[in-house]
Amino acid sequence: MGSQVSKQIEKRKSIRTEKKTLSEMKSSGEVYPGADYHPSDRKNWMSELNPDKVVISKIVWPGTHDSATNKIGIPLITRPFAQCQSMSIYQQLVTGARVLDIRVQEDRRVCHGILLSYSVDVVIKDVKKFLSETHSEIIILEIRTEFGHEDPPEFDKYLEGELGEFLIHQDDHVFEKTIAQVLPKRVICVWKPRKSPQPKAGSPLWSAGYLKDNWINTDLPSTKFDGNLKHLSEQAPVSSRKYFYRVENTVTPVPDNPILCVKPVTGRIHGYARLFISQCFSKGYADKLQILSTDFIDEDFVDACAGLTHARIEGKA
C-alpha cells in the first residue's frame, strides 16, 4: 500500500513538472510563419487558399484522434473514459478538421477499445453531407479495425460503394498534385484491416503504409511533446516522401494514474499545438510536419494548421 502511495506522489510530481516545462516554453513565444492567419470560413478553409496553388503534400492537415467517440459508451458512466471528441463528424469537418480517425469492429459499429458507439453509416452520412455542401475541401478518412476486434466482412466493398464517386485512388503521384488537379474526387480513404488483405496499388482505397505515426502511450505532456519532436525529426521532408505522417498532440490516461477520464488528462497538452509548430521551426523540422491531430478539436487548433499551410503556399515557410 505504501509503495503505491509513494508511486502516486512521484507521478503527480512528474505531471506538475512536465506541465510547468511546457508552460514556460509557451511563455517564450509561439511565433512561426502563418501564426497570425485565420480563415474567414473554416468550413471552406482549403478553398480560401486557392485549390490551384495548394499541393497535397504541403497541406498541414488538422486531424482528430478517435474521431467518432462523441457518443461512445454510456453517458456519465463509461463515456468519460473513452470520449475523445464532443462534436459529431459533421461538426468537426465544419470546424475545419480534415483528417478523421475512425475505429470499427466486426458489426461495422464505431468503437474505442471494448466500448461501442453508432454504426459507421453515421460517419459516412456526415462525411457525404459535408462534401455536398463544399466544393474544394479534401478529407483523409482513416478507417481501421480496432485492436481486439475482427474485420467487418467485405468492408472494402462497403466503402467503395458508399464513397466511390468521391474517392481519390491510391497513387503516389497524388502527393505532387494540387487540390484542383484531383477534383472532383475529394476523399483519400485509408483502410487498415487487421487480417483482411490491404488495398492494392491503384485501388480506390489506400493501404496502411500511406498513413504513418508513432504512438507514444503516456499521460505525461512534456514526454509526449518531446517524443513527437524526436519521431518527426526522423521523417523525410514532405516534399520527398510518399506517405502522410501524423503527429498526435494528445496524452491519454494510463492505468498507473487515478485520473482515467480522457478530457482532464489530454488537457495537459491540448493547448500546446502552436508551441509544437514553433518548436518544429526552431529545431529545423518544420518541412516534415504534415498531419497534426488532437482530442476535442477547436477553432484555434484548425487556425494553427491552416496558417502554416497558407505560409507554405505563399512561399513563406
Protein backbone atom coordinates (compact mmCIF):
# COMPACT_ATOMS: atom_id res chain seq x y z
CA MET A 1 0.00 0.00 0.00
CA GLY A 2 2.76 2.41 0.99
CA SER A 3 4.66 1.80 -2.25
CA GLN A 4 1.53 2.54 -4.28
CA VAL A 5 1.01 5.82 -2.43
CA SER A 6 4.66 6.72 -2.98
CA LYS A 7 4.37 5.96 -6.70
CA GLN A 8 1.30 8.18 -6.98
CA ILE A 9 3.06 11.03 -5.20
CA GLU A 10 6.00 10.76 -7.59
CA LYS A 11 3.68 10.56 -10.58
CA ARG A 12 1.87 13.73 -9.54
CA LYS A 13 5.22 15.49 -9.15
CA SER A 14 6.21 14.39 -12.65
CA ILE A 15 2.95 15.67 -14.11
CA ARG A 16 3.34 19.05 -12.37
CA THR A 17 6.96 19.33 -13.52
CA GLU A 18 6.13 18.49 -17.13
CA LYS A 19 3.15 20.86 -17.24
CA LYS A 20 5.41 23.61 -15.90
CA THR A 21 8.05 22.83 -18.56
CA LEU A 22 5.57 23.30 -21.40
CA SER A 23 4.04 26.38 -19.79
CA GLU A 24 7.46 28.05 -19.50
CA MET A 25 8.29 27.17 -23.11
CA LYS A 26 4.97 28.67 -24.22
CA SER A 27 5.65 31.92 -22.38
CA SER A 28 8.74 32.43 -24.54
CA GLY A 29 6.58 32.63 -27.67
CA GLU A 30 4.69 30.65 -30.30
CA VAL A 31 5.78 32.56 -33.38
CA TYR A 32 6.02 30.83 -36.76
CA PRO A 33 5.19 31.77 -40.36
CA GLY A 34 1.42 31.97 -40.71
CA ALA A 35 0.70 32.07 -36.98
CA ASP A 36 -1.38 35.21 -37.38
CA TYR A 37 -3.52 33.78 -40.20
CA HIS A 38 -7.18 32.98 -39.51
CA PRO A 39 -9.54 31.63 -42.19
CA SER A 40 -12.68 33.68 -42.65
CA ASP A 41 -14.65 30.45 -43.21
CA ARG A 42 -13.23 27.34 -41.57
CA LYS A 43 -15.76 25.16 -43.35
CA ASN A 44 -14.04 26.14 -46.61
CA TRP A 45 -10.53 26.96 -45.44
CA MET A 46 -8.82 24.98 -48.20
CA SER A 47 -10.89 26.76 -50.85
CA GLU A 48 -9.78 30.10 -49.44
CA LEU A 49 -6.14 29.16 -50.07
CA ASN A 50 -6.79 28.65 -53.82
CA PRO A 51 -7.09 25.00 -54.95
CA ASP A 52 -4.87 25.75 -57.98
CA LYS A 53 -1.95 26.53 -55.64
CA VAL A 54 -2.40 24.07 -52.78
CA VAL A 55 -0.20 20.98 -53.32
CA ILE A 56 -1.48 17.93 -51.41
CA SER A 57 1.87 17.15 -49.75
CA LYS A 58 2.25 20.74 -48.46
CA ILE A 59 -1.04 20.85 -46.57
CA VAL A 60 -0.77 20.87 -42.78
CA TRP A 61 -3.83 18.77 -42.02
CA PRO A 62 -5.75 19.34 -38.75
CA GLY A 63 -6.96 15.95 -37.58
CA THR A 64 -8.99 14.44 -34.79
CA HIS A 65 -7.94 11.48 -32.64
CA ASP A 66 -10.62 8.80 -32.12
CA SER A 67 -12.92 10.98 -34.17
CA ALA A 68 -16.26 9.20 -33.76
CA THR A 69 -16.39 8.98 -29.97
CA ASN A 70 -18.82 11.82 -29.27
CA LYS A 71 -21.49 9.26 -28.26
CA ILE A 72 -19.28 6.37 -27.17
CA GLY A 73 -20.38 4.19 -24.26
CA ILE A 74 -22.93 5.23 -21.62
CA PRO A 75 -23.27 8.95 -20.73
CA LEU A 76 -21.72 9.87 -17.35
CA ILE A 77 -20.74 6.24 -16.73
CA THR A 78 -18.33 4.81 -19.32
CA ARG A 79 -18.27 7.70 -21.81
CA PRO A 80 -15.77 9.92 -19.92
CA PHE A 81 -13.20 7.10 -20.09
CA ALA A 82 -13.29 6.86 -23.90
CA GLN A 83 -14.71 10.07 -25.35
CA CYS A 84 -12.05 11.99 -27.28
CA GLN A 85 -14.35 14.33 -29.25
CA SER A 86 -17.51 16.14 -28.21
CA MET A 87 -18.58 17.14 -31.73
CA SER A 88 -20.13 14.95 -34.41
CA ILE A 89 -18.12 14.09 -37.51
CA TYR A 90 -20.04 16.70 -39.50
CA GLN A 91 -19.39 19.38 -36.85
CA GLN A 92 -15.68 18.53 -36.81
CA LEU A 93 -15.47 18.93 -40.57
CA VAL A 94 -17.34 22.24 -40.46
CA THR A 95 -14.93 23.42 -37.74
CA GLY A 96 -12.05 22.61 -40.09
CA ALA A 97 -10.85 19.08 -39.30
CA ARG A 98 -9.63 17.32 -42.45
CA VAL A 99 -8.25 14.01 -41.10
CA LEU A 100 -10.62 11.56 -39.40
CA ASP A 101 -9.54 8.57 -37.28
CA ILE A 102 -12.36 6.01 -37.26
CA ARG A 103 -12.18 2.66 -35.38
CA VAL A 104 -14.63 -0.12 -36.27
CA GLN A 105 -15.44 -3.67 -35.21
CA GLU A 106 -16.94 -6.71 -36.92
CA ASP A 107 -20.52 -5.37 -36.95
CA ARG A 108 -19.48 -2.07 -38.57
CA ARG A 109 -20.02 -0.18 -35.34
CA VAL A 110 -17.61 2.52 -34.24
CA CYS A 111 -15.69 1.59 -31.11
CA HIS A 112 -12.89 2.62 -28.78
CA GLY A 113 -11.48 -0.47 -27.16
CA ILE A 114 -14.40 -2.50 -25.83
CA LEU A 115 -16.86 0.41 -25.83
CA LEU A 116 -19.24 0.77 -28.76
CA SER A 117 -20.96 3.69 -30.42
CA TYR A 118 -23.11 4.18 -33.51
CA SER A 119 -22.87 2.44 -36.87
CA VAL A 120 -20.15 3.58 -39.27
CA ASP A 121 -23.08 4.55 -41.52
CA VAL A 122 -23.43 7.66 -39.34
CA VAL A 123 -19.83 8.63 -40.12
CA ILE A 124 -20.30 8.12 -43.86
CA LYS A 125 -23.54 10.10 -43.82
CA ASP A 126 -21.84 13.05 -42.09
CA VAL A 127 -18.89 12.95 -44.49
CA LYS A 128 -21.19 12.94 -47.52
CA LYS A 129 -23.28 15.77 -46.09
CA PHE A 130 -20.16 17.89 -45.68
CA LEU A 131 -18.94 17.05 -49.18
CA SER A 132 -22.31 18.02 -50.65
CA GLU A 133 -22.07 21.46 -49.00
CA THR A 134 -18.49 22.25 -50.07
CA HIS A 135 -16.56 22.14 -53.33
CA SER A 136 -12.79 22.02 -52.81
CA GLU A 137 -12.20 20.57 -49.33
CA ILE A 138 -10.13 17.35 -49.28
CA ILE A 139 -10.53 14.80 -46.48
CA ILE A 140 -8.24 12.00 -45.32
CA LEU A 141 -10.56 9.34 -43.92
CA GLU A 142 -8.67 6.68 -41.98
CA ILE A 143 -10.74 3.65 -41.02
CA ARG A 144 -9.17 0.81 -39.08
CA THR A 145 -10.29 -2.32 -37.31
CA GLU A 146 -9.89 -1.62 -33.60
CA PHE A 147 -7.39 -3.73 -31.65
CA GLY A 148 -9.05 -6.84 -30.23
CA HIS A 149 -11.79 -6.93 -32.88
CA GLU A 150 -12.31 -8.74 -36.17
CA ASP A 151 -12.51 -7.03 -39.56
CA PRO A 152 -16.05 -6.25 -40.73
CA PRO A 153 -16.85 -8.60 -43.65
CA GLU A 154 -16.35 -7.14 -47.15
CA PHE A 155 -15.74 -3.70 -45.67
CA ASP A 156 -13.66 -2.56 -48.63
CA LYS A 157 -16.65 -3.12 -50.92
CA TYR A 158 -18.85 -1.21 -48.48
CA LEU A 159 -16.53 1.82 -48.50
CA GLU A 160 -16.20 1.79 -52.28
CA GLY A 161 -19.96 1.52 -52.67
CA GLU A 162 -20.68 4.40 -50.28
CA LEU A 163 -17.88 6.79 -51.30
CA GLY A 164 -16.92 5.68 -54.80
CA GLU A 165 -17.72 8.95 -56.58
CA PHE A 166 -15.52 10.89 -54.12
CA LEU A 167 -12.57 8.51 -53.75
CA ILE A 168 -9.10 9.63 -54.85
CA HIS A 169 -7.45 6.38 -55.94
CA GLN A 170 -4.22 5.15 -54.36
CA ASP A 171 -1.43 6.72 -56.41
CA ASP A 172 1.99 8.10 -55.40
CA HIS A 173 1.57 10.96 -57.87
CA VAL A 174 -1.27 12.40 -55.77
CA PHE A 175 1.26 13.93 -53.36
CA GLU A 176 2.62 16.16 -56.14
CA LYS A 177 -0.79 17.32 -57.37
CA THR A 178 -2.78 20.37 -56.37
CA ILE A 179 -6.27 20.18 -54.97
CA ALA A 180 -7.60 21.43 -58.30
CA GLN A 181 -5.88 18.55 -60.10
CA VAL A 182 -7.58 15.85 -58.02
CA LEU A 183 -11.06 17.38 -58.07
CA PRO A 184 -13.89 16.38 -58.25
CA LYS A 185 -12.51 13.45 -56.21
CA ARG A 186 -12.16 14.58 -52.60
CA VAL A 187 -11.56 11.70 -50.19
CA ILE A 188 -8.32 9.83 -49.54
CA CYS A 189 -9.68 6.78 -47.72
CA VAL A 190 -7.05 4.73 -45.88
CA TRP A 191 -8.44 1.30 -44.93
CA LYS A 192 -6.44 -0.56 -42.27
CA PRO A 193 -7.83 -4.05 -41.69
CA ARG A 194 -6.23 -6.34 -39.11
CA LYS A 195 -6.38 -9.58 -41.12
CA SER A 196 -8.07 -8.88 -44.46
CA PRO A 197 -5.88 -8.05 -47.49
CA GLN A 198 -4.58 -4.49 -47.77
CA PRO A 199 -5.82 -2.34 -50.68
CA LYS A 200 -3.58 -2.73 -53.72
CA ALA A 201 -1.89 -0.06 -55.85
CA GLY A 202 -4.44 1.74 -57.98
CA SER A 203 -7.29 0.74 -55.69
CA PRO A 204 -9.98 3.27 -54.73
CA LEU A 205 -8.74 2.76 -51.15
CA TRP A 206 -5.26 3.43 -49.74
CA SER A 207 -3.22 0.89 -47.77
CA ALA A 208 -1.93 1.31 -44.23
CA GLY A 209 1.59 2.34 -45.25
CA TYR A 210 0.32 5.63 -46.62
CA LEU A 211 -0.62 6.98 -43.19
CA LYS A 212 2.06 6.52 -40.54
CA ASP A 213 2.57 7.68 -36.98
CA ASN A 214 4.47 6.75 -33.84
CA TRP A 215 2.06 6.36 -30.95
CA ILE A 216 3.55 7.20 -27.54
CA ASN A 217 1.31 5.85 -24.77
CA THR A 218 1.78 8.31 -21.92
CA ASP A 219 -0.14 10.77 -19.79
CA LEU A 220 2.95 12.96 -19.30
CA PRO A 221 2.69 16.03 -21.55
CA SER A 222 6.34 17.01 -21.98
CA THR A 223 7.30 13.37 -22.52
CA LYS A 224 4.76 13.16 -25.35
CA PHE A 225 5.74 16.57 -26.75
CA ASP A 226 9.45 15.71 -26.86
CA GLY A 227 8.76 12.22 -28.22
CA ASN A 228 6.66 13.67 -31.00
CA LEU A 229 9.50 16.01 -31.96
CA LYS A 230 12.00 13.15 -31.94
CA HIS A 231 9.91 10.91 -34.19
CA LEU A 232 9.11 13.78 -36.53
CA SER A 233 12.82 14.57 -36.86
CA GLU A 234 13.36 11.05 -38.22
CA GLN A 235 10.94 11.53 -41.14
CA ALA A 236 11.81 12.74 -44.62
CA PRO A 237 10.61 16.23 -45.66
CA VAL A 238 7.06 16.30 -47.05
CA SER A 239 8.43 17.20 -50.49
CA SER A 240 10.27 13.88 -50.81
CA ARG A 241 8.06 11.28 -49.13
CA LYS A 242 5.12 9.32 -50.49
CA TYR A 243 3.12 8.85 -47.31
CA PHE A 244 1.32 11.00 -44.78
CA TYR A 245 2.86 11.31 -41.32
CA ARG A 246 0.73 12.14 -38.29
CA VAL A 247 1.74 13.73 -35.00
CA GLU A 248 -0.78 13.28 -32.16
CA ASN A 249 -0.97 16.34 -29.90
CA THR A 250 -2.58 14.18 -27.21
CA VAL A 251 -1.86 12.43 -23.95
CA THR A 252 -4.07 9.63 -22.73
CA PRO A 253 -4.95 8.02 -19.39
CA VAL A 254 -2.74 5.15 -18.28
CA PRO A 255 -3.54 2.53 -15.61
CA ASP A 256 -0.98 3.73 -13.05
CA ASN A 257 -2.78 7.06 -12.55
CA PRO A 258 -6.06 7.51 -10.64
CA ILE A 259 -7.30 10.04 -13.23
CA LEU A 260 -8.69 7.87 -16.03
CA CYS A 261 -11.10 10.26 -17.76
CA VAL A 262 -9.83 11.47 -21.13
CA LYS A 263 -10.64 15.18 -21.00
CA PRO A 264 -8.68 16.27 -17.90
CA VAL A 265 -5.69 14.16 -18.95
CA THR A 266 -5.48 15.30 -22.57
CA GLY A 267 -5.99 18.87 -21.34
CA ARG A 268 -2.38 18.73 -20.13
CA ILE A 269 -1.15 19.06 -23.74
CA HIS A 270 -4.19 20.33 -25.63
CA GLY A 271 -3.18 23.99 -25.64
CA TYR A 272 0.34 23.43 -26.99
CA ALA A 273 -0.25 22.78 -30.70
CA ARG A 274 1.09 26.21 -31.67
CA LEU A 275 4.08 25.70 -29.41
CA PHE A 276 4.77 22.40 -31.16
CA ILE A 277 4.71 24.08 -34.57
CA SER A 278 7.03 26.86 -33.40
CA GLN A 279 9.43 24.27 -31.94
CA CYS A 280 9.42 22.46 -35.29
CA PHE A 281 10.74 25.66 -36.86
CA SER A 282 13.32 26.31 -34.16
CA LYS A 283 14.69 22.76 -34.46
CA GLY A 284 14.57 22.61 -38.27
CA TYR A 285 11.74 20.07 -38.59
CA ALA A 286 9.04 22.34 -40.00
CA ASP A 287 9.36 20.93 -43.52
CA LYS A 288 8.44 17.49 -42.12
CA LEU A 289 5.19 18.44 -40.38
CA GLN A 290 2.07 17.26 -42.19
CA ILE A 291 -0.81 15.94 -40.05
CA LEU A 292 -1.33 17.33 -36.55
CA SER A 293 -4.08 15.59 -34.62
CA THR A 294 -5.85 16.35 -31.36
CA ASP A 295 -8.57 15.36 -28.93
CA PHE A 296 -11.51 17.77 -28.59
CA ILE A 297 -10.63 19.84 -31.65
CA ASP A 298 -11.31 23.58 -31.56
CA GLU A 299 -11.07 26.56 -33.91
CA ASP A 300 -7.64 27.69 -32.73
CA PHE A 301 -6.16 24.27 -33.50
CA VAL A 302 -7.57 24.47 -37.04
CA ASP A 303 -6.23 28.01 -37.47
CA ALA A 304 -2.76 26.92 -36.32
CA CYS A 305 -2.62 24.31 -39.12
CA ALA A 306 -4.33 26.42 -41.78
CA GLY A 307 -1.96 29.29 -41.02
CA LEU A 308 1.15 27.20 -41.63
CA THR A 309 -0.43 25.79 -44.80
CA HIS A 310 -1.07 29.35 -46.00
CA ALA A 311 2.56 30.30 -45.29
CA ARG A 312 3.81 27.29 -47.28
CA ILE A 313 1.59 28.11 -50.26
CA GLU A 314 2.79 31.72 -50.19
CA GLY A 315 6.44 30.61 -50.04
CA LYS A 316 6.97 31.96 -46.52
CA ALA A 317 7.67 28.61 -44.86
